[in-house]
Every structure is written in C-alpha cells, then in structure tokens.
N, C-alpha and C. Protein backbone atom coordinates (compact mmCIF):
# COMPACT_ATOMS: atom_id res chain seq x y z
N MET A 1 6.31 -11.82 -8.62
CA MET A 1 5.34 -12.80 -8.24
C MET A 1 4.18 -12.68 -9.22
N ASP A 2 3.81 -13.77 -9.90
CA ASP A 2 2.70 -13.69 -10.85
C ASP A 2 1.37 -13.96 -10.15
N ARG A 3 0.28 -13.65 -10.85
CA ARG A 3 -1.05 -13.77 -10.24
C ARG A 3 -1.38 -15.19 -9.82
N ARG A 4 -0.93 -16.19 -10.61
CA ARG A 4 -1.22 -17.58 -10.23
C ARG A 4 -0.56 -17.93 -8.91
N THR A 5 0.67 -17.48 -8.69
CA THR A 5 1.36 -17.74 -7.43
C THR A 5 0.62 -17.08 -6.28
N VAL A 6 0.21 -15.84 -6.47
CA VAL A 6 -0.52 -15.12 -5.42
C VAL A 6 -1.83 -15.83 -5.11
N ILE A 7 -2.60 -16.19 -6.13
CA ILE A 7 -3.89 -16.85 -5.94
C ILE A 7 -3.69 -18.19 -5.25
N ALA A 8 -2.68 -18.96 -5.65
CA ALA A 8 -2.41 -20.25 -5.00
C ALA A 8 -2.08 -20.04 -3.53
N GLY A 9 -1.29 -19.06 -3.23
CA GLY A 9 -0.94 -18.76 -1.84
C GLY A 9 -2.16 -18.35 -1.03
N LEU A 10 -3.06 -17.60 -1.63
CA LEU A 10 -4.27 -17.18 -0.93
C LEU A 10 -5.18 -18.38 -0.66
N ALA A 11 -5.26 -19.30 -1.61
CA ALA A 11 -6.09 -20.47 -1.42
C ALA A 11 -5.61 -21.28 -0.22
N VAL A 12 -4.31 -21.42 -0.07
CA VAL A 12 -3.74 -22.13 1.07
C VAL A 12 -4.10 -21.43 2.37
N LEU A 13 -4.14 -20.09 2.37
CA LEU A 13 -4.46 -19.33 3.57
C LEU A 13 -5.96 -19.28 3.85
N GLY A 14 -6.78 -19.77 2.94
CA GLY A 14 -8.22 -19.76 3.14
C GLY A 14 -8.87 -18.44 2.83
N VAL A 15 -8.19 -17.57 2.06
CA VAL A 15 -8.77 -16.29 1.67
C VAL A 15 -9.77 -16.53 0.56
N PRO A 16 -10.97 -15.93 0.63
CA PRO A 16 -11.98 -16.16 -0.42
C PRO A 16 -11.43 -15.85 -1.81
N MET A 17 -11.77 -16.67 -2.76
CA MET A 17 -11.23 -16.54 -4.11
C MET A 17 -12.26 -15.93 -5.06
N THR A 18 -12.81 -14.78 -4.70
CA THR A 18 -13.80 -14.11 -5.54
C THR A 18 -13.16 -12.97 -6.33
N ALA A 19 -11.89 -13.11 -6.65
CA ALA A 19 -11.15 -12.05 -7.34
C ALA A 19 -11.68 -11.82 -8.74
N ARG A 20 -11.80 -10.54 -9.10
CA ARG A 20 -12.12 -10.19 -10.48
C ARG A 20 -10.86 -10.41 -11.31
N ALA A 21 -11.03 -10.46 -12.61
CA ALA A 21 -9.90 -10.69 -13.50
C ALA A 21 -8.87 -9.57 -13.39
N ASP A 22 -9.32 -8.34 -13.05
CA ASP A 22 -8.39 -7.22 -13.01
C ASP A 22 -7.82 -6.95 -11.61
N GLU A 23 -8.04 -7.85 -10.66
CA GLU A 23 -7.50 -7.68 -9.32
C GLU A 23 -6.15 -8.34 -9.18
N THR A 24 -5.32 -7.74 -8.36
CA THR A 24 -4.08 -8.36 -7.91
C THR A 24 -4.22 -8.53 -6.41
N ARG A 25 -3.95 -9.73 -5.92
CA ARG A 25 -4.03 -10.01 -4.49
C ARG A 25 -2.68 -10.51 -3.99
N VAL A 26 -2.30 -10.03 -2.82
CA VAL A 26 -1.06 -10.45 -2.19
C VAL A 26 -1.36 -10.74 -0.72
N ALA A 27 -0.89 -11.87 -0.23
CA ALA A 27 -1.04 -12.22 1.18
C ALA A 27 0.31 -12.70 1.70
N GLN A 28 0.78 -12.09 2.78
CA GLN A 28 2.05 -12.48 3.39
C GLN A 28 1.97 -12.27 4.89
N ASP A 29 2.34 -13.28 5.66
CA ASP A 29 2.48 -13.17 7.11
C ASP A 29 1.28 -12.50 7.79
N GLY A 30 0.09 -12.86 7.40
CA GLY A 30 -1.11 -12.30 8.02
C GLY A 30 -1.59 -10.99 7.45
N THR A 31 -0.89 -10.46 6.43
CA THR A 31 -1.35 -9.25 5.75
C THR A 31 -2.10 -9.65 4.48
N HIS A 32 -3.02 -8.77 4.07
CA HIS A 32 -3.80 -9.03 2.85
C HIS A 32 -3.91 -7.72 2.08
N LEU A 33 -3.58 -7.77 0.80
CA LEU A 33 -3.68 -6.61 -0.07
C LEU A 33 -4.47 -6.98 -1.31
N VAL A 34 -5.40 -6.11 -1.69
CA VAL A 34 -6.13 -6.25 -2.95
C VAL A 34 -5.93 -4.95 -3.72
N LEU A 35 -5.54 -5.06 -4.99
CA LEU A 35 -5.36 -3.91 -5.88
C LEU A 35 -6.28 -4.07 -7.08
N TRP A 36 -6.89 -2.96 -7.53
CA TRP A 36 -7.72 -2.99 -8.73
C TRP A 36 -7.71 -1.61 -9.38
N HIS A 37 -8.08 -1.55 -10.64
CA HIS A 37 -8.09 -0.31 -11.41
C HIS A 37 -9.52 0.15 -11.66
N ALA A 38 -9.76 1.45 -11.51
CA ALA A 38 -11.06 2.04 -11.83
C ALA A 38 -10.88 3.53 -12.02
N GLU A 39 -11.50 4.08 -13.07
CA GLU A 39 -11.53 5.52 -13.32
C GLU A 39 -10.14 6.17 -13.34
N GLY A 40 -9.18 5.51 -13.98
CA GLY A 40 -7.84 6.06 -14.13
C GLY A 40 -7.00 6.05 -12.86
N ARG A 41 -7.42 5.24 -11.89
CA ARG A 41 -6.70 5.19 -10.61
C ARG A 41 -6.47 3.74 -10.20
N LEU A 42 -5.43 3.55 -9.41
CA LEU A 42 -5.17 2.27 -8.77
C LEU A 42 -5.78 2.33 -7.38
N HIS A 43 -6.66 1.40 -7.08
CA HIS A 43 -7.30 1.32 -5.78
C HIS A 43 -6.66 0.20 -4.98
N ALA A 44 -6.56 0.39 -3.66
CA ALA A 44 -5.92 -0.60 -2.81
C ALA A 44 -6.68 -0.75 -1.51
N GLN A 45 -6.69 -1.97 -1.01
CA GLN A 45 -7.17 -2.23 0.35
C GLN A 45 -6.13 -3.13 1.01
N PHE A 46 -5.56 -2.64 2.11
CA PHE A 46 -4.51 -3.36 2.83
C PHE A 46 -4.94 -3.58 4.26
N SER A 47 -4.77 -4.79 4.73
CA SER A 47 -5.13 -5.18 6.08
C SER A 47 -3.93 -5.88 6.72
N ALA A 48 -3.63 -5.50 7.98
CA ALA A 48 -2.48 -6.08 8.68
C ALA A 48 -2.83 -6.37 10.13
N PRO A 49 -2.14 -7.33 10.73
CA PRO A 49 -2.42 -7.72 12.12
C PRO A 49 -1.80 -6.75 13.13
N THR A 50 -2.35 -5.54 13.21
CA THR A 50 -1.82 -4.52 14.11
C THR A 50 -2.92 -3.53 14.47
N MET A 51 -2.73 -2.84 15.56
CA MET A 51 -3.60 -1.72 15.93
C MET A 51 -2.87 -0.40 15.61
N GLY A 52 -1.63 -0.49 15.09
CA GLY A 52 -0.83 0.68 14.75
C GLY A 52 -0.99 1.07 13.29
N TRP A 53 0.04 1.75 12.75
CA TRP A 53 -0.05 2.21 11.37
C TRP A 53 0.17 1.08 10.38
N VAL A 54 -0.35 1.29 9.16
CA VAL A 54 -0.13 0.39 8.03
C VAL A 54 0.34 1.23 6.85
N ALA A 55 1.11 0.64 5.94
CA ALA A 55 1.63 1.39 4.80
C ALA A 55 1.72 0.51 3.56
N VAL A 56 1.45 1.13 2.41
CA VAL A 56 1.57 0.48 1.10
C VAL A 56 2.33 1.43 0.20
N GLY A 57 3.40 0.93 -0.45
CA GLY A 57 4.20 1.79 -1.31
C GLY A 57 4.54 1.14 -2.63
N PHE A 58 5.01 1.98 -3.55
CA PHE A 58 5.31 1.53 -4.91
C PHE A 58 6.59 2.20 -5.38
N ASN A 59 7.40 1.47 -6.14
CA ASN A 59 8.65 2.01 -6.67
C ASN A 59 8.97 1.31 -7.98
N ASN A 60 9.53 2.03 -8.95
CA ASN A 60 9.93 1.42 -10.22
C ASN A 60 11.20 0.60 -10.10
N VAL A 61 11.95 0.79 -9.02
CA VAL A 61 13.20 0.05 -8.82
C VAL A 61 13.16 -0.68 -7.48
N GLU A 62 13.98 -1.70 -7.35
CA GLU A 62 13.96 -2.55 -6.16
C GLU A 62 14.82 -1.94 -5.05
N GLN A 63 14.25 -0.94 -4.38
CA GLN A 63 14.91 -0.32 -3.24
C GLN A 63 13.88 0.49 -2.47
N LEU A 64 14.18 0.76 -1.21
CA LEU A 64 13.28 1.57 -0.40
C LEU A 64 13.34 3.03 -0.85
N LYS A 65 14.55 3.53 -1.11
CA LYS A 65 14.70 4.93 -1.51
C LYS A 65 13.87 5.21 -2.76
N GLY A 66 13.06 6.27 -2.70
CA GLY A 66 12.23 6.65 -3.83
C GLY A 66 10.84 6.04 -3.80
N THR A 67 10.58 5.14 -2.85
CA THR A 67 9.26 4.53 -2.77
C THR A 67 8.22 5.58 -2.36
N ARG A 68 7.18 5.67 -3.14
CA ARG A 68 6.06 6.57 -2.83
C ARG A 68 5.03 5.72 -2.10
N PHE A 69 4.67 6.12 -0.87
CA PHE A 69 3.80 5.26 -0.08
C PHE A 69 2.73 6.03 0.68
N VAL A 70 1.67 5.30 1.00
CA VAL A 70 0.57 5.81 1.81
C VAL A 70 0.68 5.12 3.16
N ILE A 71 0.64 5.92 4.22
CA ILE A 71 0.70 5.40 5.58
C ILE A 71 -0.51 5.92 6.33
N GLY A 72 -1.17 5.03 7.08
CA GLY A 72 -2.39 5.44 7.77
C GLY A 72 -2.56 4.74 9.10
N ALA A 73 -3.32 5.39 9.99
CA ALA A 73 -3.62 4.84 11.31
C ALA A 73 -4.88 5.49 11.85
N MET A 74 -5.51 4.81 12.78
CA MET A 74 -6.68 5.36 13.45
C MET A 74 -6.20 6.36 14.50
N ARG A 75 -6.85 7.52 14.51
CA ARG A 75 -6.58 8.57 15.49
C ARG A 75 -7.87 8.84 16.26
N PRO A 76 -7.81 9.60 17.33
CA PRO A 76 -9.03 9.88 18.10
C PRO A 76 -10.15 10.51 17.25
N ASP A 77 -9.78 11.29 16.23
CA ASP A 77 -10.78 11.96 15.40
C ASP A 77 -11.10 11.20 14.11
N GLY A 78 -10.66 9.95 13.99
CA GLY A 78 -10.94 9.14 12.81
C GLY A 78 -9.67 8.63 12.15
N PHE A 79 -9.83 7.96 11.02
CA PHE A 79 -8.68 7.39 10.31
C PHE A 79 -7.93 8.51 9.59
N HIS A 80 -6.60 8.52 9.72
CA HIS A 80 -5.76 9.55 9.12
C HIS A 80 -4.69 8.87 8.27
N ALA A 81 -4.43 9.41 7.08
CA ALA A 81 -3.38 8.87 6.22
C ALA A 81 -2.66 10.01 5.52
N GLU A 82 -1.42 9.73 5.13
CA GLU A 82 -0.57 10.69 4.43
C GLU A 82 0.19 9.97 3.32
N GLU A 83 0.60 10.74 2.34
CA GLU A 83 1.42 10.22 1.24
C GLU A 83 2.86 10.69 1.46
N HIS A 84 3.81 9.77 1.43
CA HIS A 84 5.21 10.06 1.71
C HIS A 84 6.11 9.53 0.60
N ILE A 85 7.35 10.01 0.61
CA ILE A 85 8.41 9.48 -0.26
C ILE A 85 9.56 9.05 0.65
N ALA A 86 10.06 7.84 0.45
CA ALA A 86 11.21 7.37 1.22
C ALA A 86 12.48 7.97 0.62
N VAL A 87 13.11 8.88 1.37
CA VAL A 87 14.39 9.43 0.92
C VAL A 87 15.54 8.86 1.74
N VAL A 88 15.24 8.08 2.75
CA VAL A 88 16.15 7.31 3.59
C VAL A 88 17.28 8.19 4.14
N PRO A 89 17.37 8.38 5.41
CA PRO A 89 16.62 7.66 6.44
C PRO A 89 15.27 8.31 6.76
N ASP A 90 14.96 9.46 6.18
CA ASP A 90 13.70 10.13 6.46
C ASP A 90 12.66 9.76 5.40
N HIS A 91 11.39 10.03 5.74
CA HIS A 91 10.28 9.75 4.83
C HIS A 91 9.32 10.94 4.85
N PRO A 92 9.72 12.06 4.22
CA PRO A 92 8.88 13.27 4.26
C PRO A 92 7.59 13.11 3.44
N THR A 93 6.62 13.96 3.75
CA THR A 93 5.38 13.97 2.97
C THR A 93 5.68 14.49 1.57
N VAL A 94 4.84 14.12 0.61
CA VAL A 94 5.05 14.59 -0.75
C VAL A 94 4.93 16.11 -0.82
N GLN A 95 4.01 16.70 -0.02
CA GLN A 95 3.83 18.15 -0.02
C GLN A 95 5.11 18.86 0.44
N SER A 96 5.80 18.31 1.45
CA SER A 96 7.01 18.96 1.95
C SER A 96 8.14 18.93 0.93
N LEU A 97 8.03 18.04 -0.06
CA LEU A 97 9.02 17.95 -1.14
C LEU A 97 8.58 18.76 -2.36
N GLY A 98 7.45 19.46 -2.25
CA GLY A 98 6.95 20.26 -3.36
C GLY A 98 6.23 19.45 -4.42
N LEU A 99 5.85 18.22 -4.09
CA LEU A 99 5.16 17.35 -5.05
C LEU A 99 3.65 17.43 -4.82
N VAL A 100 2.91 17.02 -5.82
CA VAL A 100 1.44 17.06 -5.75
C VAL A 100 0.94 15.74 -5.19
N PRO A 101 0.18 15.77 -4.09
CA PRO A 101 -0.36 14.51 -3.55
C PRO A 101 -1.42 13.93 -4.48
N GLY A 102 -1.48 12.61 -4.54
CA GLY A 102 -2.47 11.94 -5.38
C GLY A 102 -3.44 11.09 -4.60
N LEU A 103 -3.30 11.06 -3.28
CA LEU A 103 -4.11 10.20 -2.42
C LEU A 103 -5.59 10.56 -2.50
N GLY A 104 -6.43 9.55 -2.70
CA GLY A 104 -7.87 9.75 -2.74
C GLY A 104 -8.60 8.54 -2.22
N ASP A 105 -9.92 8.67 -2.10
CA ASP A 105 -10.80 7.57 -1.73
C ASP A 105 -10.37 6.89 -0.43
N LEU A 106 -9.94 7.68 0.53
CA LEU A 106 -9.39 7.14 1.77
C LEU A 106 -10.47 6.72 2.75
N SER A 107 -10.28 5.55 3.31
CA SER A 107 -11.08 5.11 4.46
C SER A 107 -10.23 4.12 5.24
N GLY A 108 -10.60 3.91 6.48
CA GLY A 108 -9.87 2.96 7.31
C GLY A 108 -10.70 2.54 8.49
N ARG A 109 -10.32 1.41 9.04
CA ARG A 109 -11.01 0.92 10.21
C ARG A 109 -10.05 0.05 11.03
N VAL A 110 -10.38 -0.07 12.30
CA VAL A 110 -9.60 -0.91 13.20
C VAL A 110 -10.55 -1.85 13.90
N ALA A 111 -10.20 -3.11 13.92
CA ALA A 111 -10.91 -4.14 14.65
C ALA A 111 -9.89 -4.78 15.58
N PRO A 112 -10.32 -5.60 16.49
CA PRO A 112 -9.33 -6.21 17.39
C PRO A 112 -8.15 -6.82 16.62
N ASN A 113 -6.97 -6.27 16.87
CA ASN A 113 -5.72 -6.75 16.28
C ASN A 113 -5.66 -6.70 14.75
N ARG A 114 -6.37 -5.75 14.11
CA ARG A 114 -6.29 -5.62 12.66
C ARG A 114 -6.65 -4.21 12.25
N THR A 115 -5.79 -3.62 11.42
CA THR A 115 -6.05 -2.31 10.82
C THR A 115 -6.20 -2.51 9.32
N THR A 116 -7.23 -1.88 8.75
CA THR A 116 -7.48 -1.96 7.30
C THR A 116 -7.56 -0.55 6.74
N MET A 117 -6.84 -0.33 5.64
CA MET A 117 -6.83 0.98 4.98
C MET A 117 -7.19 0.77 3.51
N THR A 118 -8.09 1.63 3.00
CA THR A 118 -8.47 1.62 1.59
C THR A 118 -8.17 3.00 1.02
N PHE A 119 -7.60 3.04 -0.19
CA PHE A 119 -7.24 4.32 -0.80
C PHE A 119 -7.07 4.13 -2.30
N SER A 120 -6.85 5.24 -3.00
CA SER A 120 -6.51 5.17 -4.42
C SER A 120 -5.40 6.18 -4.72
N LEU A 121 -4.68 5.90 -5.79
CA LEU A 121 -3.63 6.78 -6.32
C LEU A 121 -3.80 6.85 -7.83
N PRO A 122 -3.38 7.95 -8.45
CA PRO A 122 -3.50 8.04 -9.91
C PRO A 122 -2.57 7.07 -10.63
N HIS A 123 -2.96 6.64 -11.80
CA HIS A 123 -2.08 5.79 -12.61
C HIS A 123 -0.79 6.52 -12.94
N VAL A 124 -0.91 7.83 -13.18
CA VAL A 124 0.24 8.65 -13.53
C VAL A 124 0.26 9.87 -12.61
N PHE A 125 1.38 10.09 -11.92
CA PHE A 125 1.52 11.26 -11.06
C PHE A 125 1.97 12.44 -11.90
N PRO A 126 1.45 13.65 -11.64
CA PRO A 126 1.81 14.81 -12.47
C PRO A 126 3.25 15.26 -12.29
N ASP A 127 3.91 14.82 -11.22
CA ASP A 127 5.24 15.32 -10.90
C ASP A 127 6.35 14.29 -11.04
N SER A 128 6.02 13.05 -11.41
CA SER A 128 7.04 12.02 -11.44
C SER A 128 6.55 10.80 -12.22
N GLU A 129 7.47 10.11 -12.86
CA GLU A 129 7.13 8.85 -13.52
C GLU A 129 7.34 7.68 -12.57
N ASN A 130 7.75 7.95 -11.34
CA ASN A 130 7.94 6.91 -10.33
C ASN A 130 6.93 7.13 -9.22
N PRO A 131 6.05 6.21 -9.03
CA PRO A 131 5.91 4.92 -9.70
C PRO A 131 4.90 4.99 -10.85
N ARG A 132 4.96 3.98 -11.71
CA ARG A 132 3.96 3.82 -12.76
C ARG A 132 2.93 2.80 -12.23
N LEU A 133 1.65 3.20 -12.21
CA LEU A 133 0.64 2.37 -11.56
C LEU A 133 -0.50 1.94 -12.48
N GLY A 134 -0.33 2.09 -13.78
CA GLY A 134 -1.38 1.72 -14.71
C GLY A 134 -1.53 0.22 -14.86
N PRO A 135 -2.60 -0.21 -15.52
CA PRO A 135 -2.81 -1.63 -15.76
C PRO A 135 -1.60 -2.27 -16.44
N ASP A 136 -1.22 -3.43 -15.98
CA ASP A 136 -0.10 -4.22 -16.49
C ASP A 136 1.27 -3.64 -16.19
N ALA A 137 1.35 -2.55 -15.42
CA ALA A 137 2.66 -2.02 -15.01
C ALA A 137 3.27 -2.97 -14.00
N THR A 138 4.58 -3.08 -14.05
CA THR A 138 5.32 -3.86 -13.06
C THR A 138 5.91 -2.88 -12.06
N THR A 139 5.73 -3.17 -10.78
CA THR A 139 6.22 -2.28 -9.73
C THR A 139 6.71 -3.09 -8.54
N TYR A 140 7.61 -2.49 -7.80
CA TYR A 140 8.05 -3.09 -6.55
C TYR A 140 7.12 -2.57 -5.46
N LEU A 141 6.39 -3.48 -4.87
CA LEU A 141 5.40 -3.19 -3.86
C LEU A 141 6.06 -3.24 -2.49
N MET A 142 5.79 -2.25 -1.65
CA MET A 142 6.24 -2.27 -0.26
C MET A 142 5.01 -2.35 0.63
N LEU A 143 4.98 -3.34 1.49
CA LEU A 143 3.94 -3.47 2.51
C LEU A 143 4.63 -3.38 3.86
N ALA A 144 4.03 -2.63 4.80
CA ALA A 144 4.64 -2.48 6.11
C ALA A 144 3.58 -2.19 7.15
N TRP A 145 3.92 -2.47 8.41
CA TRP A 145 3.06 -2.09 9.53
C TRP A 145 3.89 -1.92 10.78
N SER A 146 3.30 -1.22 11.75
CA SER A 146 3.96 -0.96 13.03
C SER A 146 2.98 -1.24 14.15
N HIS A 147 3.51 -1.49 15.33
CA HIS A 147 2.68 -1.63 16.52
C HIS A 147 2.22 -0.26 17.02
N ASP A 148 2.88 0.81 16.56
CA ASP A 148 2.63 2.17 17.05
C ASP A 148 1.81 2.95 16.02
N LYS A 149 1.02 3.91 16.47
CA LYS A 149 0.24 4.76 15.58
C LYS A 149 1.03 5.98 15.12
N ASP A 150 2.16 6.25 15.73
CA ASP A 150 3.01 7.39 15.37
C ASP A 150 3.75 7.06 14.08
N PHE A 151 3.54 7.87 13.03
CA PHE A 151 4.15 7.60 11.74
C PHE A 151 5.68 7.64 11.78
N ALA A 152 6.26 8.30 12.77
CA ALA A 152 7.72 8.36 12.90
C ALA A 152 8.29 7.07 13.48
N HIS A 153 7.43 6.21 14.02
CA HIS A 153 7.88 4.96 14.62
C HIS A 153 8.23 3.97 13.52
N HIS A 154 9.32 3.23 13.70
CA HIS A 154 9.77 2.27 12.69
C HIS A 154 8.79 1.11 12.53
N SER A 155 8.86 0.47 11.38
CA SER A 155 8.00 -0.68 11.12
C SER A 155 8.42 -1.88 11.96
N ALA A 156 7.44 -2.68 12.34
CA ALA A 156 7.70 -3.96 12.99
C ALA A 156 7.83 -5.05 11.92
N TRP A 157 7.24 -4.78 10.75
CA TRP A 157 7.23 -5.75 9.65
C TRP A 157 7.24 -4.97 8.34
N ARG A 158 8.08 -5.39 7.39
CA ARG A 158 8.11 -4.76 6.07
C ARG A 158 8.57 -5.79 5.05
N ARG A 159 7.89 -5.82 3.90
CA ARG A 159 8.27 -6.72 2.81
C ARG A 159 8.19 -5.96 1.49
N HIS A 160 9.05 -6.38 0.54
CA HIS A 160 9.05 -5.81 -0.81
C HIS A 160 8.83 -6.98 -1.78
N THR A 161 7.91 -6.78 -2.72
CA THR A 161 7.54 -7.84 -3.65
C THR A 161 7.34 -7.22 -5.04
N LEU A 162 7.85 -7.87 -6.06
CA LEU A 162 7.61 -7.45 -7.44
C LEU A 162 6.24 -7.95 -7.87
N VAL A 163 5.38 -7.03 -8.36
CA VAL A 163 4.04 -7.41 -8.81
C VAL A 163 3.73 -6.74 -10.15
N THR A 164 2.81 -7.34 -10.86
CA THR A 164 2.25 -6.73 -12.07
C THR A 164 0.83 -6.33 -11.74
N LEU A 165 0.53 -5.05 -11.97
CA LEU A 165 -0.77 -4.51 -11.60
C LEU A 165 -1.84 -4.82 -12.63
C-alpha cells in the first residue's frame, strides 16, 4: 500500500491530514496507526476500538511466523507492553528466546471503547535483520487487537499490510 492510497483512505474516514512528509499512516476498520522516524528509531502510535490489548508487528516476509511485535494493554498499575516474536502457535517474549528487547518510549491510554499505544523500536535490532525498520524499508505490518487484556487471549481482529516506512 503506497502513501497516496493510505492518505486517500484517511481523508475518506475524516482523519486529520496534518501528516509530516516522513510519516506513514494506516487506517483500517476503525484502527489508526501513525509511524515516523526519529533518533535512529521507528516510532509508532496505534489506536483501536477496544478496551483490551492492542498489537503492532513487523516482518520482512508475508507471514505471521517470525513477526516481531509489541503488545500492550492497560493494567491496574498502568499501561503494560511487551515485545514478542510469533513462532506459531505460541508468541514468546523476545527475552525468553534470548534476544535483546528494543522496545522504548512506551506510553498508553484507554478511553471509552479505544486503546492507544505509543512506542518505538530501533531501525536495526542487534540480534536479527528481521524486521528492517529504517526509512524507506518495506515491511509487512501486522495490526491486531483483542477484547481481552490477557496477552494469551486470541485477537478479535488482525490484518497484515505491506507498507514502506
């Protein structure tokens, strides 16, 4: 999906069109994602129509297996997120696989029927070339959400889209 297609789709949905030249925006089925680059990292803000968990993932190939993703939800003590790898059917944390986590700049909030998560990941992970997240990289984006806050609960909605960052 190229940026013009994404921007045209957002205009139809009534999403404000104040995008910087270096932003990538994706909107599907009530979800909204904004990606931008700063200080050697890819920054993301994802919003979905749920009070449960939300997830954003990236993969160099078009499949769930191998997708490196951030999943987050509001907990009683605040917003909590983890970095996982889809090994199908399980999705262990990167730490449990002996990999170095790259998750940073985490924040999240919940409003009536909407969860929003903001985070960053490095352009290059020290332990893997999958995914590549630098400017102009092409990646398979995974967006997902669940009605449940338990990360082990399956998604109610999931989409995969090819994007250029």
